[in-house]
Amino acid sequence: MAKADLQLTVTLTAQEQAVIELLAEAWNAYLKLPEQHPMHRQEFAHSIHEAQRLVLSRPVTRAWNDARPADRPG
């Protein structure tokens, strides 16, 4: 029998929110630097997005770990 979809409630902590804001500040500060290579801006943006992905995945990981094993699909 197929299980129902698992619904998780996720919330960023204050610390996680602060990290996201600092990443935005880092991006804005980087844009003020003189360009040294045409690909650096794109590479920096990619790195910022990777860092944001890691921070934003934390609430889901936390909620998944807090879910009762019987509620987890699979």
Protein backbone atom coordinates (compact mmCIF):
# COMPACT_ATOMS: atom_id res chain seq x y z
CA MET A 1 0.00 0.00 0.00
CA ALA A 2 1.35 3.44 -0.90
CA LYS A 3 1.97 5.84 1.94
CA ALA A 4 0.54 9.35 1.95
CA ASP A 5 2.87 12.23 1.17
CA LEU A 6 4.86 13.38 4.18
CA GLN A 7 4.33 17.03 5.00
CA LEU A 8 7.10 18.75 6.93
CA THR A 9 7.02 22.15 8.59
CA VAL A 10 10.32 23.93 8.07
CA THR A 11 11.61 27.15 9.60
CA LEU A 12 14.93 28.93 9.28
CA THR A 13 16.59 29.66 12.60
CA ALA A 14 17.69 33.20 13.35
CA GLN A 15 21.29 32.10 12.74
CA GLU A 16 20.40 30.60 9.35
CA GLN A 17 18.57 33.78 8.39
CA ALA A 18 21.64 35.79 9.39
CA VAL A 19 23.87 33.63 7.19
CA ILE A 20 21.55 34.14 4.21
CA GLU A 21 21.66 37.90 4.80
CA LEU A 22 25.46 37.83 5.07
CA LEU A 23 25.69 35.95 1.79
CA ALA A 24 23.62 38.69 0.15
CA GLU A 25 25.91 41.30 1.68
CA ALA A 26 28.94 39.40 0.37
CA TRP A 27 27.45 39.38 -3.13
CA ASN A 28 26.72 43.11 -3.01
CA ALA A 29 30.24 43.83 -1.76
CA TYR A 30 31.76 41.63 -4.46
CA LEU A 31 29.93 43.57 -7.17
CA LYS A 32 31.75 46.72 -6.03
CA LEU A 33 35.18 45.17 -6.71
CA PRO A 34 36.87 45.94 -10.01
CA GLU A 35 36.57 43.14 -12.54
CA GLN A 36 39.73 41.11 -13.04
CA HIS A 37 38.38 38.29 -15.17
CA PRO A 38 35.14 38.04 -17.21
CA MET A 39 34.08 34.75 -15.56
CA HIS A 40 34.71 35.70 -11.92
CA ARG A 41 31.30 37.33 -11.38
CA GLN A 42 29.50 34.26 -12.72
CA GLU A 43 31.68 31.92 -10.64
CA PHE A 44 31.13 33.99 -7.50
CA ALA A 45 27.36 34.00 -8.10
CA HIS A 46 27.42 30.22 -8.51
CA SER A 47 29.34 29.87 -5.24
CA ILE A 48 26.90 32.15 -3.41
CA HIS A 49 24.00 30.07 -4.74
CA GLU A 50 25.69 26.87 -3.55
CA ALA A 51 26.16 28.34 -0.08
CA GLN A 52 22.52 29.50 -0.04
CA ARG A 53 21.41 26.01 -1.08
CA LEU A 54 23.32 24.49 1.82
CA VAL A 55 21.85 26.90 4.35
CA LEU A 56 18.31 26.63 2.97
CA SER A 57 18.44 22.82 3.03
CA ARG A 58 19.14 22.76 6.77
CA PRO A 59 15.50 23.22 7.89
CA VAL A 60 14.36 20.33 5.68
CA THR A 61 17.12 18.08 7.01
CA ARG A 62 16.20 19.05 10.56
CA ALA A 63 12.49 18.39 9.95
CA TRP A 64 13.26 15.07 8.26
CA ASN A 65 15.42 13.97 11.18
CA ASP A 66 12.69 15.00 13.63
CA ALA A 67 9.96 13.10 11.75
CA ARG A 68 9.06 9.76 13.22
CA PRO A 69 10.61 6.91 11.22
CA ALA A 70 7.17 5.41 10.63
CA ASP A 71 6.08 8.64 8.91
CA ARG A 72 9.00 8.64 6.47
CA PRO A 73 8.26 7.33 2.99
CA GLY A 74 10.28 4.39 1.69
